[in-house]
Protein backbone atom coordinates (compact mmCIF):
# COMPACT_ATOMS: atom_id res chain seq x y z
CA MET A 1 0.00 0.00 0.00
CA ARG A 2 1.28 3.50 -0.82
CA ILE A 3 0.82 6.55 1.38
CA THR A 4 0.28 9.54 -0.89
CA ARG A 5 1.74 13.01 -0.55
CA LEU A 6 -1.53 14.27 0.94
CA GLN A 7 -1.59 11.45 3.48
CA ALA A 8 2.03 12.09 4.40
CA ALA A 9 1.22 15.74 5.03
CA ALA A 10 -1.75 14.69 7.16
CA LEU A 11 0.53 12.51 9.27
CA VAL A 12 2.90 15.41 9.82
CA LEU A 13 0.08 17.79 10.69
CA GLY A 14 -1.48 15.20 12.97
CA ALA A 15 1.78 14.97 14.86
CA LEU A 16 1.79 18.74 15.33
CA THR A 17 -1.54 18.49 17.10
CA TYR A 18 0.13 16.42 19.79
CA ALA A 19 3.34 18.45 19.88
CA PRO A 20 2.59 22.16 20.33
CA THR A 21 6.00 22.90 21.83
CA ALA A 22 7.85 21.27 18.96
CA ALA A 23 5.56 22.90 16.44
CA ALA A 24 6.48 26.31 17.85
CA GLN A 25 10.06 25.70 16.73
CA LEU A 26 8.92 26.06 13.12
CA SER A 27 7.67 29.37 11.84
CA ASP A 28 4.60 27.98 10.09
CA PRO A 29 4.73 24.25 9.28
CA THR A 30 1.34 24.34 7.59
CA GLN A 31 2.51 27.07 5.26
CA ASP A 32 5.81 25.25 4.68
CA ILE A 33 3.93 22.21 3.39
CA GLY A 34 1.86 24.41 1.09
CA VAL A 35 4.83 26.41 -0.20
CA ARG A 36 7.06 23.45 -0.97
CA PRO A 37 4.84 20.76 -2.51
CA GLU A 38 7.85 19.47 -4.43
CA LEU A 39 9.41 18.50 -1.10
CA LEU A 40 6.57 16.13 -0.32
CA LYS A 41 6.27 14.45 -3.69
CA ASP A 42 8.87 11.87 -2.67
CA VAL A 43 7.67 11.52 0.93
CA GLY A 44 5.50 8.60 2.04
CA ILE A 45 5.42 4.92 2.86
CA ASP A 46 4.99 2.02 0.45
CA GLN A 47 4.07 -1.18 2.24
CA LYS A 48 6.28 -4.13 1.40
CA LEU A 49 4.75 -6.79 3.60
CA ASN A 50 6.64 -10.10 3.62
CA ASP A 51 9.66 -8.57 1.87
CA SER A 52 13.05 -9.02 3.53
CA ILE A 53 15.34 -6.16 4.47
CA PRO A 54 19.09 -6.40 3.72
CA LEU A 55 20.50 -7.67 7.01
CA GLY A 56 24.09 -7.33 5.82
CA LEU A 57 24.01 -3.52 5.95
CA ALA A 58 26.61 -2.00 8.27
CA PHE A 59 25.94 0.82 10.76
CA ARG A 60 27.49 2.17 13.95
CA ASP A 61 25.83 1.49 17.29
CA GLU A 62 25.54 3.90 20.21
CA THR A 63 29.09 3.03 21.33
CA GLY A 64 30.58 3.76 17.92
CA LYS A 65 31.13 0.10 17.11
CA THR A 66 30.48 -1.07 13.54
CA VAL A 67 27.59 -3.55 13.49
CA GLU A 68 25.47 -5.31 10.89
CA LEU A 69 21.69 -5.51 11.12
CA ASP A 70 21.73 -9.31 11.28
CA GLN A 71 23.21 -9.04 14.79
CA TYR A 72 19.77 -7.95 16.01
CA PHE A 73 17.76 -10.65 14.26
CA GLY A 74 17.33 -14.39 14.66
CA ARG A 75 16.17 -14.54 18.26
CA GLY A 76 12.79 -12.82 18.15
CA PRO A 77 10.74 -10.16 16.35
CA VAL A 78 12.22 -6.69 15.90
CA ILE A 79 10.55 -3.28 15.98
CA LEU A 80 12.42 -0.94 13.63
CA THR A 81 12.10 2.83 13.52
CA LEU A 82 13.63 5.37 11.12
CA VAL A 83 14.06 8.82 12.67
CA TYR A 84 16.82 11.38 13.06
CA TYR A 85 18.10 12.40 16.46
CA ASN A 86 18.14 16.19 15.93
CA CYS A 87 14.56 16.21 14.65
CA PRO A 88 12.70 19.11 16.32
CA MET A 89 9.29 17.46 16.47
CA LEU A 90 8.00 14.37 14.65
CA CYS A 91 10.75 11.87 15.45
CA THR A 92 10.55 12.63 19.15
CA GLN A 93 6.80 12.01 19.03
CA VAL A 94 7.35 8.68 17.27
CA LEU A 95 9.85 7.50 19.89
CA ASN A 96 7.74 8.81 22.78
CA GLY A 97 4.63 7.09 21.42
CA LEU A 98 6.49 3.85 20.93
CA ASN A 99 7.95 3.98 24.43
CA ARG A 100 4.55 4.59 26.00
CA SER A 101 3.07 1.58 24.21
CA LEU A 102 6.03 -0.68 25.03
CA LYS A 103 5.62 0.09 28.72
CA GLU A 104 2.02 -1.14 28.57
CA ILE A 105 2.61 -4.55 26.99
CA PRO A 106 3.73 -7.59 29.04
CA MET A 107 6.64 -8.56 26.76
CA ASP A 108 10.07 -7.10 27.56
CA ILE A 109 12.61 -5.46 25.29
CA GLY A 110 15.73 -7.60 25.22
CA LYS A 111 13.84 -10.78 26.14
CA GLN A 112 10.96 -11.53 23.78
CA PHE A 113 11.83 -8.89 21.15
CA SER A 114 14.29 -6.13 20.23
CA VAL A 115 13.99 -2.53 19.04
CA VAL A 116 16.33 -0.98 16.48
CA THR A 117 16.26 2.76 15.80
CA VAL A 118 18.23 4.05 12.81
CA SER A 119 18.98 7.70 12.02
CA ILE A 120 18.22 8.79 8.46
CA ASP A 121 20.69 11.69 8.82
CA PRO A 122 24.15 10.54 7.69
CA THR A 123 25.79 13.49 9.47
CA GLU A 124 24.69 12.33 12.92
CA ARG A 125 27.26 10.57 15.07
CA PRO A 126 27.21 7.86 17.77
CA VAL A 127 27.38 10.46 20.55
CA LEU A 128 23.82 11.52 19.65
CA ALA A 129 22.73 7.88 19.42
CA ALA A 130 24.21 7.24 22.88
CA ALA A 131 22.22 10.14 24.35
CA LYS A 132 18.98 8.81 22.86
CA HIS A 133 19.83 5.28 24.01
CA GLU A 134 20.33 6.41 27.59
CA LEU A 135 17.20 8.55 27.54
CA TYR A 136 14.72 6.03 26.13
CA THR A 137 15.99 2.89 27.84
CA GLY A 138 15.94 4.89 31.07
CA ILE A 139 12.34 5.98 30.53
CA TYR A 140 11.36 2.41 29.64
CA GLY A 141 12.90 1.33 32.93
CA ARG A 142 12.85 -2.45 32.64
CA PRO A 143 15.95 -4.63 33.10
CA GLY A 144 17.62 -5.63 29.85
CA ALA A 145 16.35 -2.68 27.83
CA ALA A 146 19.85 -1.26 27.33
CA ARG A 147 20.86 -4.52 25.65
CA GLY A 148 17.66 -4.80 23.62
CA TRP A 149 17.07 -1.29 22.24
CA HIS A 150 19.77 -0.14 19.83
CA PHE A 151 20.32 3.33 18.34
CA LEU A 152 22.30 3.35 15.11
CA THR A 153 23.92 5.83 12.74
CA GLY A 154 25.35 5.17 9.31
CA ASP A 155 26.43 6.41 5.92
CA GLU A 156 23.97 7.71 3.35
CA ALA A 157 24.17 4.74 0.98
CA ASN A 158 23.25 2.18 3.64
CA ILE A 159 20.56 4.40 5.14
CA LYS A 160 18.90 4.84 1.76
CA GLN A 161 19.13 1.13 0.98
CA LEU A 162 17.42 0.26 4.27
CA ALA A 163 14.76 2.94 3.73
CA ARG A 164 13.99 1.62 0.24
CA ALA A 165 13.62 -1.91 1.58
CA LEU A 166 11.13 -0.65 4.17
CA GLY A 167 9.26 1.51 1.65
CA PHE A 168 10.11 4.59 3.73
CA ARG A 169 10.45 7.63 1.44
CA TYR A 170 11.87 10.87 2.85
CA ALA A 171 13.40 14.10 1.58
CA TYR A 172 15.89 16.63 2.91
CA ASP A 173 14.94 20.32 2.96
CA PRO A 174 18.11 22.45 2.67
CA ASP A 175 16.21 25.61 3.62
CA SER A 176 15.17 24.41 7.08
CA LYS A 177 17.95 21.80 7.29
CA GLN A 178 15.34 19.20 8.24
CA PHE A 179 14.06 15.94 6.80
CA ALA A 180 10.47 15.61 5.60
CA HIS A 181 9.11 12.17 6.34
CA ALA A 182 5.97 10.34 7.41
CA SER A 183 5.66 8.68 10.82
CA ALA A 184 5.50 4.92 11.26
CA ILE A 185 7.12 1.98 12.98
CA PHE A 186 7.83 -1.42 11.43
CA VAL A 187 7.55 -4.88 12.96
CA LEU A 188 9.77 -7.55 11.42
CA THR A 189 10.05 -11.30 11.88
CA PRO A 190 13.19 -12.87 13.38
CA GLU A 191 14.28 -13.58 9.80
CA GLY A 192 14.05 -9.90 8.82
CA LYS A 193 10.76 -10.00 6.89
CA LEU A 194 8.37 -7.06 7.11
CA SER A 195 5.35 -8.23 9.08
CA ARG A 196 3.41 -5.13 10.18
CA TYR A 197 3.31 -1.35 9.61
CA PHE A 198 1.89 0.92 12.31
CA TYR A 199 1.30 4.56 11.33
CA GLY A 200 1.20 7.83 13.22
CA ILE A 201 2.71 8.70 16.58
CA GLN A 202 0.42 6.66 18.84
CA TYR A 203 0.45 2.89 18.68
CA PRO A 204 -2.32 1.07 20.59
CA PRO A 205 -0.63 -1.39 22.97
CA ARG A 206 -3.04 -4.14 21.90
CA ASP A 207 -2.09 -3.70 18.25
CA LEU A 208 1.63 -3.61 18.98
CA ARG A 209 1.33 -6.68 21.19
CA LEU A 210 -0.58 -8.65 18.55
CA GLY A 211 1.85 -7.51 15.87
CA LEU A 212 4.78 -8.90 17.86
CA VAL A 213 2.96 -12.18 18.51
CA GLU A 214 2.17 -12.61 14.81
CA ALA A 215 5.71 -11.69 13.76
CA SER A 216 7.04 -14.37 16.11
CA GLU A 217 4.58 -16.92 14.65
CA GLY A 218 3.08 -17.42 18.09
CA LYS A 219 6.39 -18.15 19.80
CA ILE A 220 5.87 -15.30 22.23
CA GLY A 221 2.69 -14.18 23.97
CA SER A 222 0.02 -16.02 25.93
CA ALA A 223 -3.10 -18.07 25.25
CA VAL A 224 -5.06 -14.83 25.58
CA ASP A 225 -3.00 -13.34 22.74
CA GLN A 226 -3.79 -16.32 20.53
CA LEU A 227 -7.50 -15.89 21.29
CA LEU A 228 -7.29 -12.18 20.46
CA LEU A 229 -5.58 -12.99 17.16
CA PHE A 230 -8.49 -15.26 16.29
CA CYS A 231 -10.91 -12.40 16.93
CA TYR A 232 -8.87 -9.53 15.48
CA HIS A 233 -7.50 -9.05 11.98
CA TYR A 234 -4.72 -6.73 10.78
CA ASP A 235 -5.84 -4.26 8.13
CA PRO A 236 -2.89 -3.12 5.97
CA GLN A 237 -4.87 -0.10 4.77
CA THR A 238 -5.14 1.39 8.25
CA GLY A 239 -2.20 -0.29 9.96
CA LYS A 240 -4.51 -1.37 12.79
CA TYR A 241 -6.20 -4.48 14.13
CA GLY A 242 -9.98 -4.66 13.89
CA LEU A 243 -12.59 -7.06 15.23
CA LEU A 244 -13.29 -9.75 12.65
CA ILE A 245 -17.06 -10.23 12.90
CA SER A 246 -17.15 -13.37 10.74
CA ARG A 247 -14.83 -15.18 13.13
CA ILE A 248 -16.83 -14.01 16.14
CA VAL A 249 -20.03 -15.30 14.54
CA ARG A 250 -18.32 -18.59 13.66
CA ALA A 251 -16.99 -18.97 17.19
CA ALA A 252 -20.40 -18.12 18.68
CA GLY A 253 -22.04 -20.67 16.39
CA ALA A 254 -19.56 -23.36 17.43
CA LEU A 255 -20.14 -22.52 21.09
CA THR A 256 -23.92 -22.74 20.59
CA VAL A 257 -23.59 -26.17 18.96
CA LEU A 258 -21.38 -27.33 21.82
CA VAL A 259 -23.84 -26.13 24.47
CA ILE A 260 -26.77 -27.78 22.68
CA GLY A 261 -24.77 -31.00 22.38
CA ILE A 262 -24.03 -31.00 26.11
CA LEU A 263 -27.72 -30.41 26.93
CA VAL A 264 -28.78 -33.28 24.66
CA VAL A 265 -26.32 -35.61 26.35
CA LEU A 266 -27.51 -34.57 29.81
CA LEU A 267 -31.18 -35.04 28.88
CA TYR A 268 -30.43 -38.42 27.31
CA ARG A 269 -28.62 -39.61 30.43
CA SER A 270 -31.39 -38.36 32.74
CA GLU A 271 -33.98 -40.42 30.84
CA HIS A 272 -31.96 -43.63 31.23
CA TYR A 273 -31.23 -43.33 34.92
CA GLU A 274 -34.40 -43.65 37.01
CA LEU A 275 -34.52 -42.24 40.49
CA PRO A 276 -34.93 -44.73 43.43
CA GLY A 277 -38.54 -45.65 44.25
CA ARG A 278 -39.89 -45.05 40.76
CA ARG A 279 -40.03 -48.72 39.69
CA ALA A 280 -43.45 -50.53 39.99
């Protein structure tokens, strides 16, 4: 699925609604979008569900060490975010929204899944990544987060190759020295295949939880999660999970048949077992 220029602009403007302080840092973001339509023509998200990302790409982690993406895959699902660390508004809202949702789900970063955040700005250095790493793992506050949430920087060629694989289209504005981009997070399987896209800056904990369970092919999560997955269906158009009425009706029908069957058995047994004193 492709997010159009208009939809990308709506995502940016929607983020401003939730970030008045950040919005104040720009003179008139609404006018900027109207004045520079050419900036947004290459901005958006093209869904590439089930495609694999290039795990051999090299980046630098928050310590400055050279790493490849495949180091973070293979053990469990991965949430991947593309931001830039000096972003004055939208990227902060994406990371804040993700952190809030992660704190509300029972799975732990570094245990059942990992998070990888990559800067799209090739001029940013590991010192910025280290500051973000300390900030967000500290806010998350659970043991193991520092080993499970990684903040990366890299060169332009590798950043663009990763962005293309994700379907994440962005553009640099030399006038404001900022990047124009839509807001989304990506859930990938342990093998590096794109499993789910979640848009915006707020990610319902239920949706994120179910996305991780599906990406793991049921290897994480509880019996309740499996039941929820039966009742809810991911809609690629909206990037959300919705109640699947047909399955609810089917489950209710099966339950009704089961209850009727039990009643028939009980009635049958009661007719064949006479109470004492009833024989002539």
